[in-house]
Amino acid sequence: MSCTDSERLILQEQVRSLSQELAQCQADKEFVWSLWKRLQAANPDLTQAVSLVVEREKQKAEAKDRKVLEILQVKDHKIQELEKEVISQRQELSGLLQQQQRAGEVEHHVMKKEILELQNTLSDTTQRLQECDDGWRRCLEEQQEQNRKQEINNTRLKECDDGWRRRFEEQQEQSEKQEKINNARLREVQEELVKVQAVSSSLSVQLSEREQQLQKIRGELQDLQALYVQSVAHAGEQADLIQQLEGLNMDTQQILQSQERVHNTHTTSYHKFFSFAGPNIVHYITTTKETNMQQPISFQLFEVVTGGVQ
């Protein structure tokens, strides 16, 4: 949901609340106007007026109770949704964690196995290369030794025939061919070593990337765990708010009961008062109706009561 939609919903909720308050104010205004008309009558029934006020207060208290009950129901529904969301996130988190752990362990095991095999291959190749190098050096030393001996023999046998010279040339040619073969084998082994080293470097890079991905997954897991803790804390705050609303509802009920007892006490006092001062009030209202219409009834009653007491 976008920010504009959220603001629109908030404004709609405010408009609805203001409309309800306006309707309540209008109803209160009509009730007060009707009560004022009743009190402006020639013989106002104060007992009925008090009963209407008490009934009106009861209706307002019932409306408040219904509103509190609706708020409690909405909060209960929201808590249930949050609990469902927490359970769903917990299950999703557990499944994702198990899946990532299994995949990471399998890939890590395979990579370690491949690296171990390549290391063994590299070790074997290095050993073979060392053996070839040692053999080539021995051959080279032997050939050099033979060349030195041949030179000595050539110095001593300068007068040998062509047959001995041809044999020497053939032997020298074979030595050169063998040297070329050994050099070629050495180059091949060196190229193979370079390839193996490149493969080993590539696998090392892949292993590093896998470890980085594993670290990233662990970070996401920690974020999900933090979100779960926040959801649980929010649910606890909602439960505390509901308990506070329930306490407020109980306080409201107690206040209404206290007001009802006070109204009942006032009603009894009015009955006793009118039973004592009723005749004087009727006589006084009849004689002063045309002269004192602008004075409040409460002031007139005060004068009548004062006169009756005197």
Protein backbone atom coordinates (compact mmCIF):
# COMPACT_ATOMS: atom_id res chain seq x y z
CA MET A 1 0.00 0.00 0.00
CA SER A 2 1.46 3.41 -1.00
CA CYS A 3 1.79 6.48 1.19
CA THR A 4 -1.08 8.23 -0.67
CA ASP A 5 -3.46 5.32 -0.02
CA SER A 6 -2.52 5.32 3.68
CA GLU A 7 -3.16 9.07 3.98
CA ARG A 8 -6.49 8.69 2.19
CA LEU A 9 -7.58 5.92 4.58
CA ILE A 10 -6.56 8.04 7.58
CA LEU A 11 -8.53 11.03 6.24
CA GLN A 12 -11.59 8.82 5.60
CA GLU A 13 -11.38 7.51 9.17
CA GLN A 14 -11.13 11.09 10.50
CA VAL A 15 -14.12 12.20 8.40
CA ARG A 16 -16.15 9.24 9.66
CA SER A 17 -15.23 10.03 13.28
CA LEU A 18 -16.10 13.73 12.84
CA SER A 19 -19.43 12.77 11.23
CA GLN A 20 -20.26 10.58 14.21
CA GLU A 21 -19.31 13.36 16.64
CA LEU A 22 -21.42 15.85 14.65
CA ALA A 23 -24.41 13.51 14.74
CA GLN A 24 -23.92 13.05 18.50
CA CYS A 25 -23.72 16.82 19.03
CA GLN A 26 -26.88 17.32 16.95
CA ALA A 27 -28.70 14.70 19.02
CA ASP A 28 -27.50 16.35 22.26
CA LYS A 29 -28.66 19.72 20.98
CA GLU A 30 -32.12 18.39 20.14
CA PHE A 31 -32.37 16.69 23.54
CA VAL A 32 -31.37 19.87 25.41
CA TRP A 33 -33.82 21.93 23.33
CA SER A 34 -36.66 19.49 24.08
CA LEU A 35 -35.79 19.47 27.79
CA TRP A 36 -35.70 23.28 27.84
CA LYS A 37 -39.16 23.40 26.26
CA ARG A 38 -40.47 21.02 28.92
CA LEU A 39 -39.05 23.20 31.70
CA GLN A 40 -40.63 26.34 30.15
CA ALA A 41 -44.11 24.85 30.50
CA ALA A 42 -46.55 26.19 33.09
CA ASN A 43 -46.25 23.11 35.29
CA PRO A 44 -42.92 21.45 34.36
CA ASP A 45 -42.54 17.84 35.40
CA LEU A 46 -39.06 17.87 36.88
CA THR A 47 -39.21 14.19 37.72
CA GLN A 48 -39.79 13.33 34.08
CA ALA A 49 -37.02 15.74 33.07
CA VAL A 50 -34.60 14.09 35.46
CA SER A 51 -35.67 10.66 34.17
CA LEU A 52 -35.05 11.82 30.60
CA VAL A 53 -31.58 13.07 31.59
CA VAL A 54 -30.79 9.76 33.29
CA GLU A 55 -32.06 7.81 30.28
CA ARG A 56 -30.02 10.01 27.97
CA GLU A 57 -26.87 9.40 30.04
CA LYS A 58 -27.56 5.65 29.96
CA GLN A 59 -27.87 5.74 26.16
CA LYS A 60 -24.61 7.68 25.85
CA ALA A 61 -22.89 5.22 28.19
CA GLU A 62 -24.22 2.28 26.16
CA ALA A 63 -22.97 3.94 22.96
CA LYS A 64 -19.53 4.36 24.54
CA ASP A 65 -19.59 0.72 25.67
CA ARG A 66 -20.45 -0.40 22.13
CA LYS A 67 -17.64 1.72 20.74
CA VAL A 68 -15.16 0.26 23.26
CA LEU A 69 -16.42 -3.24 22.42
CA GLU A 70 -15.90 -2.57 18.69
CA ILE A 71 -12.36 -1.36 19.42
CA LEU A 72 -11.68 -4.48 21.47
CA GLN A 73 -13.02 -6.71 18.70
CA VAL A 74 -10.85 -4.92 16.12
CA LYS A 75 -7.80 -5.31 18.36
CA ASP A 76 -8.58 -9.01 18.91
CA HIS A 77 -8.85 -9.52 15.16
CA LYS A 78 -5.58 -7.66 14.61
CA ILE A 79 -3.84 -9.75 17.29
CA GLN A 80 -5.07 -12.95 15.64
CA GLU A 81 -3.76 -11.75 12.27
CA LEU A 82 -0.40 -10.87 13.84
CA GLU A 83 -0.20 -14.29 15.52
CA LYS A 84 -0.94 -15.99 12.19
CA GLU A 85 1.70 -13.84 10.49
CA VAL A 86 4.24 -14.69 13.21
CA ILE A 87 3.53 -18.43 12.84
CA SER A 88 3.82 -18.17 9.04
CA GLN A 89 7.09 -16.23 9.25
CA ARG A 90 8.45 -18.71 11.78
CA GLN A 91 7.65 -21.66 9.50
CA GLU A 92 9.08 -19.87 6.45
CA LEU A 93 12.19 -18.93 8.39
CA SER A 94 12.71 -22.50 9.60
CA GLY A 95 12.25 -23.94 6.09
CA LEU A 96 14.57 -21.38 4.51
CA LEU A 97 17.21 -21.99 7.17
CA GLN A 98 17.12 -25.76 6.74
CA GLN A 99 17.21 -25.47 2.94
CA GLN A 100 20.11 -23.02 2.93
CA GLN A 101 22.06 -25.09 5.45
CA ARG A 102 21.62 -28.27 3.43
CA ALA A 103 22.56 -26.58 0.16
CA GLY A 104 25.56 -24.82 1.70
CA GLU A 105 26.86 -28.00 3.36
CA VAL A 106 26.54 -30.04 0.15
CA GLU A 107 28.25 -27.40 -2.01
CA HIS A 108 30.97 -26.86 0.58
CA HIS A 109 31.64 -30.60 0.79
CA VAL A 110 31.78 -30.94 -3.01
CA MET A 111 34.14 -27.97 -3.35
CA LYS A 112 36.45 -29.32 -0.64
CA LYS A 113 36.50 -32.72 -2.34
CA GLU A 114 37.33 -31.19 -5.73
CA ILE A 115 40.07 -29.02 -4.22
CA LEU A 116 41.54 -32.03 -2.43
CA GLU A 117 41.57 -34.01 -5.67
CA LEU A 118 43.20 -31.12 -7.54
CA GLN A 119 45.78 -30.73 -4.80
CA ASN A 120 46.60 -34.44 -5.05
CA THR A 121 46.82 -34.13 -8.84
CA LEU A 122 49.03 -31.06 -8.50
CA SER A 123 51.27 -32.90 -6.04
CA ASP A 124 51.57 -35.90 -8.37
CA THR A 125 52.27 -33.66 -11.34
CA THR A 126 54.87 -31.71 -9.39
CA GLN A 127 56.54 -34.94 -8.33
CA ARG A 128 56.54 -36.22 -11.89
CA LEU A 129 57.94 -32.90 -13.10
CA GLN A 130 60.68 -33.09 -10.46
CA GLU A 131 61.50 -36.64 -11.48
CA CYS A 132 61.62 -35.63 -15.15
CA ASP A 133 63.77 -32.63 -14.31
CA ASP A 134 66.14 -34.82 -12.30
CA GLY A 135 66.29 -37.39 -15.11
CA TRP A 136 66.89 -34.71 -17.70
CA ARG A 137 69.66 -33.24 -15.58
CA ARG A 138 71.25 -36.64 -15.12
CA CYS A 139 71.01 -37.28 -18.83
CA LEU A 140 72.46 -33.86 -19.52
CA GLU A 141 75.30 -34.48 -17.10
CA GLU A 142 75.91 -37.91 -18.59
CA GLN A 143 75.83 -36.42 -22.05
CA GLN A 144 78.23 -33.71 -21.03
CA GLU A 145 80.45 -36.33 -19.45
CA GLN A 146 80.25 -38.39 -22.61
CA ASN A 147 81.03 -35.30 -24.67
CA ARG A 148 84.05 -34.62 -22.55
CA LYS A 149 85.17 -38.21 -22.90
CA GLN A 150 84.49 -38.04 -26.60
CA GLU A 151 86.53 -34.92 -26.91
CA ILE A 152 89.34 -36.63 -25.05
CA ASN A 153 88.99 -39.63 -27.34
CA ASN A 154 88.89 -37.33 -30.34
CA THR A 155 92.06 -35.68 -29.14
CA ARG A 156 93.70 -39.04 -28.68
CA LEU A 157 92.27 -40.64 -31.82
CA LYS A 158 92.70 -37.95 -34.35
CA GLU A 159 93.85 -40.51 -36.82
CA CYS A 160 90.76 -42.79 -36.49
CA ASP A 161 89.06 -43.85 -39.69
CA ASP A 162 85.76 -42.55 -41.04
CA GLY A 163 83.82 -45.41 -39.46
CA TRP A 164 84.64 -44.28 -35.98
CA ARG A 165 83.77 -40.70 -36.98
CA ARG A 166 80.38 -41.80 -38.38
CA ARG A 167 79.60 -43.68 -35.17
CA PHE A 168 80.48 -40.63 -33.17
CA GLU A 169 78.27 -38.42 -35.32
CA GLU A 170 75.36 -40.87 -35.01
CA GLN A 171 75.77 -40.98 -31.26
CA GLN A 172 75.85 -37.20 -31.13
CA GLU A 173 72.75 -37.00 -33.31
CA GLN A 174 70.92 -39.44 -31.02
CA SER A 175 71.98 -37.42 -28.03
CA GLU A 176 70.57 -34.26 -29.62
CA LYS A 177 67.32 -36.04 -30.47
CA GLN A 178 67.05 -37.34 -26.92
CA GLU A 179 67.72 -33.87 -25.61
CA LYS A 180 64.96 -32.44 -27.83
CA ILE A 181 62.58 -35.16 -26.66
CA ASN A 182 63.42 -34.41 -23.05
CA ASN A 183 62.95 -30.68 -23.62
CA ALA A 184 59.58 -31.30 -25.30
CA ARG A 185 58.46 -33.50 -22.40
CA LEU A 186 59.60 -30.82 -19.97
CA ARG A 187 57.56 -28.13 -21.79
CA GLU A 188 54.48 -30.38 -21.79
CA VAL A 189 54.80 -31.01 -18.07
CA GLN A 190 55.25 -27.27 -17.45
CA GLU A 191 52.14 -26.44 -19.52
CA GLU A 192 50.16 -29.08 -17.63
CA LEU A 193 51.35 -27.58 -14.36
CA VAL A 194 50.21 -24.09 -15.47
CA LYS A 195 46.75 -25.46 -16.37
CA VAL A 196 46.42 -27.22 -13.04
CA GLN A 197 47.41 -24.04 -11.21
CA ALA A 198 44.81 -22.03 -13.19
CA VAL A 199 42.08 -24.57 -12.33
CA SER A 200 43.12 -24.46 -8.67
CA SER A 201 42.94 -20.65 -8.66
CA SER A 202 39.47 -20.72 -10.28
CA LEU A 203 38.19 -23.19 -7.69
CA SER A 204 39.63 -21.07 -4.91
CA VAL A 205 37.74 -18.03 -6.27
CA GLN A 206 34.51 -20.06 -6.48
CA LEU A 207 34.98 -21.24 -2.90
CA SER A 208 35.43 -17.62 -1.76
CA GLU A 209 32.23 -16.61 -3.61
CA ARG A 210 30.32 -19.46 -1.97
CA GLU A 211 31.52 -18.39 1.44
CA GLN A 212 30.40 -14.79 0.72
CA GLN A 213 26.95 -16.07 -0.32
CA LEU A 214 26.77 -18.09 2.89
CA GLN A 215 27.62 -14.96 4.93
CA LYS A 216 24.89 -13.03 3.07
CA ILE A 217 22.34 -15.75 3.81
CA ARG A 218 23.33 -15.66 7.48
CA GLY A 219 22.77 -11.89 7.50
CA GLU A 220 19.31 -12.32 5.95
CA LEU A 221 18.55 -14.94 8.60
CA GLN A 222 19.52 -12.51 11.36
CA ASP A 223 17.25 -9.83 9.77
CA LEU A 224 14.32 -12.28 9.71
CA GLN A 225 14.94 -13.20 13.33
CA ALA A 226 14.96 -9.49 14.29
CA LEU A 227 11.66 -9.00 12.37
CA TYR A 228 10.18 -11.95 14.26
CA VAL A 229 11.22 -10.41 17.61
CA GLN A 230 9.62 -7.07 16.59
CA SER A 231 6.36 -8.84 15.63
CA VAL A 232 6.24 -10.61 19.01
CA ALA A 233 6.90 -7.29 20.83
CA HIS A 234 4.13 -5.57 18.80
CA ALA A 235 1.69 -8.33 19.71
CA GLY A 236 2.60 -7.85 23.41
CA GLU A 237 1.97 -4.10 23.13
CA GLN A 238 -1.46 -4.78 21.59
CA ALA A 239 -2.32 -7.14 24.45
CA ASP A 240 -1.30 -4.46 27.02
CA LEU A 241 -3.50 -1.90 25.21
CA ILE A 242 -6.47 -4.27 25.36
CA GLN A 243 -5.94 -4.73 29.11
CA GLN A 244 -5.88 -0.94 29.54
CA LEU A 245 -9.12 -0.58 27.53
CA GLU A 246 -10.77 -3.25 29.65
CA GLY A 247 -9.72 -1.39 32.83
CA LEU A 248 -11.10 1.85 31.33
CA ASN A 249 -14.39 0.10 30.55
CA MET A 250 -14.66 -1.12 34.16
CA ASP A 251 -13.96 2.42 35.46
CA THR A 252 -16.67 3.79 33.12
CA GLN A 253 -19.20 1.25 34.41
CA GLN A 254 -18.39 2.22 38.01
CA ILE A 255 -18.79 5.94 37.19
CA LEU A 256 -22.15 5.32 35.50
CA GLN A 257 -23.38 3.32 38.48
CA SER A 258 -22.28 6.13 40.81
CA GLN A 259 -24.08 8.72 38.62
CA GLU A 260 -27.23 6.59 38.60
CA ARG A 261 -27.18 6.41 42.41
CA VAL A 262 -26.75 10.21 42.57
CA HIS A 263 -29.68 10.72 40.14
CA ASN A 264 -31.86 8.40 42.19
CA THR A 265 -30.96 10.38 45.32
CA HIS A 266 -31.84 13.67 43.57
CA THR A 267 -35.13 12.22 42.32
CA THR A 268 -36.10 11.19 45.85
CA SER A 269 -35.17 14.65 47.10
CA TYR A 270 -37.32 16.26 44.38
CA HIS A 271 -40.31 14.10 45.35
CA LYS A 272 -39.97 15.08 49.00
CA PHE A 273 -39.52 18.71 48.04
CA PHE A 274 -42.62 18.87 45.83
CA SER A 275 -44.72 17.00 48.38
CA PHE A 276 -43.83 19.73 50.90
CA ALA A 277 -43.84 22.86 48.70
CA GLY A 278 -46.23 21.84 45.91
CA PRO A 279 -49.30 23.96 46.91
CA ASN A 280 -47.20 27.08 47.43
CA ILE A 281 -45.54 26.64 44.01
CA VAL A 282 -48.88 26.28 42.17
CA HIS A 283 -50.32 29.37 43.88
CA TYR A 284 -47.23 31.40 43.21
CA ILE A 285 -47.02 30.41 39.53
CA THR A 286 -50.71 31.27 38.99
CA THR A 287 -50.42 34.77 40.50
CA THR A 288 -47.11 35.75 38.87
CA LYS A 289 -47.36 34.05 35.47
CA GLU A 290 -47.92 37.23 33.41
CA THR A 291 -45.50 39.48 35.31
CA ASN A 292 -42.49 37.18 35.65
CA MET A 293 -42.41 35.20 32.35
CA GLN A 294 -38.86 36.35 31.60
CA GLN A 295 -37.40 35.13 34.87
CA PRO A 296 -35.90 31.60 34.92
CA ILE A 297 -38.06 28.97 36.52
CA SER A 298 -35.24 27.94 38.79
CA PHE A 299 -35.17 31.51 40.23
CA GLN A 300 -38.96 31.52 40.71
CA LEU A 301 -38.82 28.16 42.46
CA PHE A 302 -36.15 29.55 44.75
CA GLU A 303 -38.40 32.48 45.70
CA VAL A 304 -41.36 30.19 46.29
CA VAL A 305 -39.34 27.87 48.43
CA THR A 306 -37.96 30.80 50.37
CA GLY A 307 -41.44 32.19 50.94
CA GLY A 308 -42.77 28.80 51.92
CA VAL A 309 -40.01 28.28 54.40
CA GLN A 310 -40.62 31.73 55.89
